[in-house]
Every structure is written in C-alpha cells, then in structure tokens.
Protein backbone atom coordinates (compact mmCIF):
# COMPACT_ATOMS: atom_id res chain seq x y z
CA UNK A 1 0.00 0.00 0.00
CA UNK A 2 1.32 3.41 -0.95
CA UNK A 3 0.71 5.27 2.29
CA UNK A 4 0.22 9.03 2.49
CA UNK A 5 3.02 10.77 4.38
CA UNK A 6 0.94 11.33 7.49
CA UNK A 7 0.14 7.63 7.81
CA UNK A 8 3.78 6.63 7.28
CA UNK A 9 4.85 9.11 9.97
CA UNK A 10 2.13 7.87 12.36
CA UNK A 11 3.18 4.25 11.84
CA UNK A 12 6.80 5.12 12.67
CA UNK A 13 5.67 6.49 16.05
CA UNK A 14 3.57 3.41 16.74
CA UNK A 15 6.44 1.10 15.76
CA UNK A 16 8.70 2.84 18.26
CA UNK A 17 6.01 2.49 20.93
CA UNK A 18 5.62 -1.22 20.15
CA UNK A 19 9.33 -1.89 20.60
CA UNK A 20 9.56 0.26 23.70
CA UNK A 21 6.61 -1.50 25.34
CA UNK A 22 7.49 -5.07 24.34
CA UNK A 23 11.09 -4.67 25.54
CA UNK A 24 10.16 -3.11 28.89
CA UNK A 25 11.61 -5.87 31.03
CA UNK A 26 14.82 -6.22 33.02
CA UNK A 27 15.17 -9.82 31.76
CA UNK A 28 16.92 -10.31 28.41
CA UNK A 29 14.93 -13.45 27.55
CA UNK A 30 11.63 -11.62 28.08
CA UNK A 31 12.86 -8.78 25.87
CA UNK A 32 14.08 -11.11 23.15
CA UNK A 33 11.02 -13.35 23.06
CA UNK A 34 8.52 -10.50 23.33
CA UNK A 35 10.05 -8.47 20.51
CA UNK A 36 10.75 -11.48 18.26
CA UNK A 37 7.70 -11.11 15.99
CA UNK A 38 7.85 -7.31 16.02
CA UNK A 39 11.37 -7.52 14.60
CA UNK A 40 10.18 -10.09 12.03
CA UNK A 41 8.07 -7.36 10.45
CA UNK A 42 4.46 -7.48 9.38
CA UNK A 43 1.93 -5.28 7.63
CA UNK A 44 0.80 -3.47 10.80
CA UNK A 45 -2.65 -3.49 9.26
CA UNK A 46 -4.53 -3.10 12.54
CA UNK A 47 -2.52 -0.06 13.69
CA UNK A 48 -2.96 1.42 10.20
CA UNK A 49 -6.73 1.04 10.60
CA UNK A 50 -6.62 2.80 13.97
CA UNK A 51 -4.57 5.66 12.57
CA UNK A 52 -6.61 6.06 9.37
CA UNK A 53 -9.99 5.98 11.11
CA UNK A 54 -8.75 8.50 13.68
CA UNK A 55 -8.77 11.03 10.84
CA UNK A 56 -12.57 10.90 11.02
CA UNK A 57 -12.22 13.09 14.11
CA UNK A 58 -9.38 14.97 15.76
CA UNK A 59 -6.28 13.11 14.59
CA UNK A 60 -2.84 13.09 16.17
CA UNK A 61 -3.87 12.42 19.75
CA UNK A 62 -1.57 10.42 22.03
CA UNK A 63 -4.51 8.19 22.90
CA UNK A 64 -4.72 7.10 19.27
CA UNK A 65 -1.07 6.00 19.21
CA UNK A 66 -1.59 4.10 22.45
CA UNK A 67 -4.66 2.37 21.04
CA UNK A 68 -2.87 1.49 17.80
CA UNK A 69 0.08 -0.07 19.65
CA UNK A 70 -2.22 -1.83 22.12
CA UNK A 71 -4.31 -3.60 19.48
CA UNK A 72 -1.17 -4.75 17.65
CA UNK A 73 0.26 -6.17 20.88
CA UNK A 74 -2.98 -8.09 21.46
CA UNK A 75 -2.79 -9.40 17.90
CA UNK A 76 0.85 -10.47 18.33
CA UNK A 77 0.05 -12.17 21.63
CA UNK A 78 -2.72 -14.16 19.95
CA UNK A 79 -0.22 -15.30 17.29
CA UNK A 80 2.17 -16.56 19.99
CA UNK A 81 -0.61 -18.66 21.47
CA UNK A 82 -1.96 -19.79 18.08
CA UNK A 83 1.47 -21.05 17.09
CA UNK A 84 1.67 -23.16 20.25
CA UNK A 85 -1.79 -24.61 19.64
CA UNK A 86 -1.12 -25.29 15.93
CA UNK A 87 2.53 -26.30 16.44
CA UNK A 88 3.51 -23.77 13.77
CA UNK A 89 7.25 -23.73 13.11
CA UNK A 90 7.52 -20.60 10.95
CA UNK A 91 5.83 -17.23 11.33
CA UNK A 92 6.56 -14.22 9.10
CA UNK A 93 9.53 -16.04 7.61
CA UNK A 94 11.16 -16.54 11.02
CA UNK A 95 11.11 -19.40 13.52
CA UNK A 96 8.01 -19.20 15.69
CA UNK A 97 8.62 -18.30 19.33
CA UNK A 98 7.65 -21.74 20.61
CA UNK A 99 9.95 -23.50 18.12
CA UNK A 100 12.85 -21.31 19.24
CA UNK A 101 12.33 -21.14 23.00
CA UNK A 102 9.68 -23.74 23.80
CA UNK A 103 5.99 -23.66 24.68
CA UNK A 104 6.38 -22.25 28.19
CA UNK A 105 8.29 -19.17 27.05
CA UNK A 106 5.94 -18.67 24.08
CA UNK A 107 2.82 -18.81 26.24
CA UNK A 108 4.24 -16.55 28.92
CA UNK A 109 5.64 -14.09 26.37
CA UNK A 110 2.20 -13.99 24.77
CA UNK A 111 0.69 -13.29 28.19
CA UNK A 112 3.27 -10.53 28.70
CA UNK A 113 2.21 -8.93 25.42
CA UNK A 114 -1.48 -9.22 26.33
CA UNK A 115 -0.80 -7.50 29.64
CA UNK A 116 1.40 -4.86 28.02
CA UNK A 117 -1.30 -4.06 25.48
CA UNK A 118 -3.86 -3.79 28.26
CA UNK A 119 -1.59 -1.35 30.12
CA UNK A 120 -1.38 0.86 27.05
CA UNK A 121 -5.16 0.73 26.78
CA UNK A 122 -5.52 1.77 30.41
CA UNK A 123 -3.10 4.63 29.80
CA UNK A 124 -5.24 5.79 26.87
CA UNK A 125 -8.31 5.71 29.08
CA UNK A 126 -11.84 6.53 28.00
CA UNK A 127 -13.57 3.72 26.14
CA UNK A 128 -10.30 2.15 24.96
CA UNK A 129 -9.98 -0.50 27.72
CA UNK A 130 -13.55 -1.69 27.12
CA UNK A 131 -13.02 -1.99 23.35
CA UNK A 132 -9.79 -3.94 23.83
CA UNK A 133 -11.25 -6.22 26.51
CA UNK A 134 -14.31 -7.02 24.41
CA UNK A 135 -12.16 -7.80 21.39
CA UNK A 136 -9.82 -10.00 23.42
CA UNK A 137 -12.74 -11.95 24.85
CA UNK A 138 -14.11 -12.43 21.33
CA UNK A 139 -10.73 -13.66 20.04
CA UNK A 140 -10.46 -16.23 22.84
CA UNK A 141 -14.06 -17.33 22.34
CA UNK A 142 -13.48 -17.79 18.61
CA UNK A 143 -10.29 -19.77 19.17
CA UNK A 144 -12.04 -22.10 21.61
CA UNK A 145 -14.92 -22.59 19.14
CA UNK A 146 -12.42 -23.45 16.40
CA UNK A 147 -10.52 -25.85 18.66
CA UNK A 148 -13.76 -27.64 19.49
CA UNK A 149 -14.33 -28.37 15.80
CA UNK A 150 -10.80 -29.48 14.92
CA UNK A 151 -10.85 -32.30 12.39
CA UNK A 152 -14.57 -31.85 11.70
CA UNK A 153 -15.37 -31.33 7.99
CA UNK A 154 -19.11 -31.17 8.70
CA UNK A 155 -18.97 -27.70 10.21
CA UNK A 156 -21.28 -25.43 8.23
CA UNK A 157 -20.13 -22.31 6.41
CA UNK A 158 -22.27 -20.17 8.72
CA UNK A 159 -20.60 -21.70 11.79
CA UNK A 160 -17.22 -20.97 10.23
CA UNK A 161 -18.20 -17.33 9.64
CA UNK A 162 -19.35 -16.89 13.24
CA UNK A 163 -16.06 -18.33 14.47
CA UNK A 164 -13.89 -15.99 12.39
CA UNK A 165 -16.17 -13.07 13.25
CA UNK A 166 -14.75 -13.47 16.74
CA UNK A 167 -11.31 -14.96 16.15
CA UNK A 168 -10.22 -12.49 13.44
CA UNK A 169 -12.79 -9.82 12.63
CA UNK A 170 -13.14 -8.68 16.25
CA UNK A 171 -9.68 -7.07 16.22
CA UNK A 172 -10.37 -5.37 12.88
CA UNK A 173 -13.62 -3.98 14.23
CA UNK A 174 -11.88 -2.91 17.45
CA UNK A 175 -9.12 -1.17 15.46
CA UNK A 176 -11.66 0.99 13.66
CA UNK A 177 -13.54 1.66 16.89
CA UNK A 178 -10.30 2.72 18.59
CA UNK A 179 -9.53 5.22 15.85
CA UNK A 180 -13.01 6.67 16.05
CA UNK A 181 -13.27 6.81 19.84
CA UNK A 182 -9.79 8.26 20.51
CA UNK A 183 -10.36 11.04 17.99
CA UNK A 184 -13.85 11.90 19.22
CA UNK A 185 -15.54 11.03 15.93
CA UNK A 186 -19.26 11.42 15.48
CA UNK A 187 -21.21 8.37 16.81
CA UNK A 188 -22.69 7.71 13.35
CA UNK A 189 -19.21 7.60 11.83
CA UNK A 190 -18.09 5.36 14.69
CA UNK A 191 -20.81 2.81 13.93
CA UNK A 192 -20.13 2.72 10.20
CA UNK A 193 -16.40 2.41 10.71
CA UNK A 194 -16.99 -0.50 13.08
CA UNK A 195 -19.10 -2.22 10.41
CA UNK A 196 -16.37 -1.59 7.86
CA UNK A 197 -13.74 -3.12 10.13
CA UNK A 198 -15.75 -6.25 10.89
CA UNK A 199 -16.51 -6.99 7.25
CA UNK A 200 -12.92 -6.28 6.26
CA UNK A 201 -11.77 -8.74 8.92
CA UNK A 202 -14.08 -11.47 7.63
CA UNK A 203 -12.74 -11.01 4.09
CA UNK A 204 -9.16 -10.90 5.38
CA UNK A 205 -9.52 -14.29 7.09
CA UNK A 206 -11.07 -15.88 4.01
CA UNK A 207 -8.22 -14.62 1.86
CA UNK A 208 -5.75 -15.88 4.46
CA UNK A 209 -7.42 -19.28 4.27
CA UNK A 210 -6.94 -19.26 0.50
CA UNK A 211 -3.29 -18.31 0.91
CA UNK A 212 -2.79 -21.38 3.07
CA UNK A 213 -3.44 -23.36 -0.11
CA UNK A 214 -2.22 -21.18 -2.99
CA UNK A 215 0.04 -18.60 -1.34
CA UNK A 216 3.76 -18.23 -1.98
CA UNK A 217 5.57 -19.05 1.30
CA UNK A 218 8.25 -16.48 0.40
CA UNK A 219 5.52 -13.84 0.59
CA UNK A 220 3.22 -15.25 3.28
CA UNK A 221 6.06 -16.39 5.56
CA UNK A 222 4.09 -19.55 6.34
CA UNK A 223 4.27 -23.17 5.21
CA UNK A 224 1.40 -24.00 2.79
CA UNK A 225 -1.15 -26.48 4.07
CA UNK A 226 -0.46 -25.78 7.74
CA UNK A 227 -4.13 -25.45 8.72
CA UNK A 228 -5.06 -28.51 6.69
CA UNK A 229 -2.37 -30.64 8.34
CA UNK A 230 -3.48 -29.56 11.83
CA UNK A 231 -7.14 -30.33 11.14
CA UNK A 232 -8.24 -26.70 11.01
CA UNK A 233 -10.74 -27.02 8.18
CA UNK A 234 -11.36 -23.58 6.74
CA UNK A 235 -13.98 -22.41 4.27
CA UNK A 236 -12.43 -23.93 1.10
CA UNK A 237 -12.31 -27.36 2.74
CA UNK A 238 -15.81 -27.06 4.19
CA UNK A 239 -17.27 -26.07 0.82
CA UNK A 240 -15.43 -28.87 -0.98
CA UNK A 241 -16.58 -31.42 1.60
CA UNK A 242 -20.17 -30.34 1.14
CA UNK A 243 -19.93 -30.56 -2.64
CA UNK A 244 -18.01 -33.84 -2.85
CA UNK A 245 -18.32 -36.48 -0.07
CA UNK A 246 -15.06 -38.06 -1.29
CA UNK A 247 -13.14 -35.11 0.11
CA UNK A 248 -13.82 -36.20 3.71
CA UNK A 249 -11.86 -39.42 3.20
CA UNK A 250 -8.73 -37.35 2.53
CA UNK A 251 -9.19 -35.34 5.74
CA UNK A 252 -8.68 -38.17 8.20
CA UNK A 253 -5.67 -38.03 10.56
CA UNK A 254 -2.53 -39.25 8.85
CA UNK A 255 -3.71 -38.08 5.45
CA UNK A 256 -4.48 -34.39 4.80
CA UNK A 257 -1.85 -34.04 2.11
CA UNK A 258 -1.88 -30.71 0.31
CA UNK A 259 -0.96 -32.36 -3.00
CA UNK A 260 -4.05 -34.56 -2.75
CA UNK A 261 -6.59 -32.14 -1.27
CA UNK A 262 -5.74 -29.06 -3.35
CA UNK A 263 -6.83 -30.61 -6.68
CA UNK A 264 -10.13 -31.56 -5.02
CA UNK A 265 -10.64 -27.99 -3.87
CA UNK A 266 -9.99 -26.84 -7.41
CA UNK A 267 -12.29 -29.38 -9.07
CA UNK A 268 -15.20 -28.61 -6.73
CA UNK A 269 -14.83 -24.85 -7.24
CA UNK A 270 -14.28 -24.38 -3.49
CA UNK A 271 -11.38 -21.95 -3.93
CA UNK A 272 -13.38 -19.77 -6.28
CA UNK A 273 -16.42 -19.89 -3.99
CA UNK A 274 -14.27 -18.77 -1.04
CA UNK A 275 -12.86 -15.90 -3.08
CA UNK A 276 -16.40 -14.85 -3.99
CA UNK A 277 -17.35 -14.83 -0.32
CA UNK A 278 -14.34 -12.63 0.43
CA UNK A 279 -15.47 -10.29 -2.36
CA UNK A 280 -18.93 -10.21 -0.79
CA UNK A 281 -17.61 -9.03 2.57
CA UNK A 282 -15.30 -6.49 0.95
CA UNK A 283 -18.40 -5.21 -0.81
CA UNK A 284 -20.16 -4.80 2.54
CA UNK A 285 -17.12 -3.00 3.93
CA UNK A 286 -17.07 -0.60 0.99
CA UNK A 287 -20.82 -0.03 1.35
CA UNK A 288 -20.20 1.17 4.92
CA UNK A 289 -17.51 3.54 3.64
CA UNK A 290 -19.74 4.89 0.88
CA UNK A 291 -21.83 6.62 3.52
CA UNK A 292 -18.82 8.49 4.94
CA UNK A 293 -17.39 11.88 3.93
CA UNK A 294 -15.12 11.93 0.90
CA UNK A 295 -11.65 12.39 2.39
CA UNK A 296 -8.09 11.10 2.05
CA UNK A 297 -8.44 8.86 5.09
CA UNK A 298 -11.47 7.18 3.52
CA UNK A 299 -9.41 6.58 0.37
CA UNK A 300 -6.80 4.86 2.55
CA UNK A 301 -9.47 2.52 3.91
CA UNK A 302 -10.67 1.74 0.38
CA UNK A 303 -7.08 0.99 -0.66
CA UNK A 304 -6.66 -1.33 2.33
CA UNK A 305 -9.81 -3.20 1.27
CA UNK A 306 -8.55 -3.58 -2.28
CA UNK A 307 -5.19 -4.76 -0.96
CA UNK A 308 -6.78 -7.59 1.01
CA UNK A 309 -8.38 -9.04 -2.12
CA UNK A 310 -5.28 -8.39 -4.23
CA UNK A 311 -3.30 -10.93 -2.17
CA UNK A 312 -5.02 -13.67 -4.19
CA UNK A 313 -5.68 -13.40 -7.90
CA UNK A 314 -9.03 -14.73 -9.16
CA UNK A 315 -7.08 -17.13 -11.38
CA UNK A 316 -5.29 -18.69 -8.40
CA UNK A 317 -8.61 -19.13 -6.64
CA UNK A 318 -10.36 -20.63 -9.68
C-alpha cells in the first residue's frame, strides 16, 4: 500500500512504541522473546486502521497511538498462542517463538504482550480499555470454538463465519472503533467504521485461508497447508466437503496431504467460492464507507480493502 506521508509518519511512532513497550523488562529473555515477531516485520494493518480511522475526528492524539500499539500487541500475543496450539514452526519467515524457545516461554511471552497491550489501553483511558477487553474476549471465544471443531469437515459455512467473526474480525472492528473513539468522531461515523472493520476482517480471514493453499511461502512467511495438516478445516475445505463427499476421506488423521486435497478444492470450485465470499464481505465494507465523507483517510481505507483481495488473484482461486 502506498501510504500518504501522514500515515507513514504515524506508523513510525507506533512502531517505536511497540518496541519500547514489548522490551520493557529487566530480563533479556523476556525482551528477546517479546520483541521477536515485532522484529520479524508485518503489515501493521490493525494499527494502520486505527490511525486512518482516527482522521474521522481529531487526529494526532496520544490516545490514538496508544490504542494502535495496544491492538497490535494483542494481535501479536494471539499469534504466539496460536502457534503453540497449531505447532507452527515458521511465522513471518522466522522461527516461531515456541519452536525457538519452547511452549512455556511462548505462552508466557504472549501473556506478557497481552498485559502490556492492556496497560497501554488503560493509559489511553476513556472507552479504549472496554473496546480492547471485548475484542480480546471475542478472540479467545473464537479460538475455543475453532478448537472444538478441529478435524470436523461437517462444520457449516455459517458456523465458520461466526467463528472468524470473533477470532479475526473482532480485532479489525476494534481497530476501527479505537480510531473513532480516541479522535472523538461522530457516533454515526463510529458505527459505520466498526461495520467496515468487521466486514474487512471477515474477508481478510477468508483470503488468508486461500493463501494457506495457494500462497507463496516467500511472501506469506508460512508453510502451505499448515491449517489442513493440523485439522483446522477452513472455508475452502468445508465447501469442498459439502460438494463432494469423497473429500472427507482425505481429511482423516494421517492423510491431509496438500498435494491430494488441493486438486479436489480446485475441481469442486471451493477456492473460487471462497474468493467470492471474500469479495462479498469487501463489498459490505465498501458499502459502509460509501456513507462516509469523501476524504483522504477514507481513500486509505478503500485501498486497504482492495489490498486484502489483491493478495489472491481470481485465477489462483479458480
């Protein structure tokens, strides 16, 4: 994304705050483990959403920077825990924290980041702690719901959507709410931005699920087929299973080979159907933006939406 100068400058401040907060320990191991994924890079999409939506009100407030850093720390913490649950070895092109230091350090470092993000939220004050706490509860609820259905190809598409609405979209929604609330935006704008964020988050997760099958690991920083191997059956697999009962036989423990399942996803049209669902939710996100004032910050949000879909070409999903 070609960011306007103000967004690039804002992100630099937030990046400094992230490193400062995550390294605020007297123990070298805590510092190293807690800053590991920050140093590995990332799109900083959630902070960018906070900063862009803050332009709907009085931008440049310290509370906005605190909220932007806080939501990213909560996101990073959830990745630490996800990688332990999924036994992920690589994250953002680097060894995952648990594969480098073990599960105990990964879990505790994730807890440290959760707590650090909460402290930033408390420092921001106002409605920020409530927004962060609600989002964190949703993320945990969604992760538990997903864990309950591990290895189950009979989960419906609607159940999948409700799970990712919590597990993923909640932090996108919260990011947009944080930008609106810390800048004192009009309540109507606040509501529409929240809707935008939630629908963007749903589309983002669906695209991410597609990338687990057709993404370039040099770009995604993840090993293809990771979710499939761990029994996390995402929308492409659920659609394919519904359309072709033979798919389920390839999803039993000990099988789940990407080279076998991927052609079945392609032949059933499941990849294309997932892409169309992502397009649908991007459409809903853009509909929410269409009711907002024409401004540069709104253009940034539109560009972010387009960038989510652009990660997967329609041809790759066909």
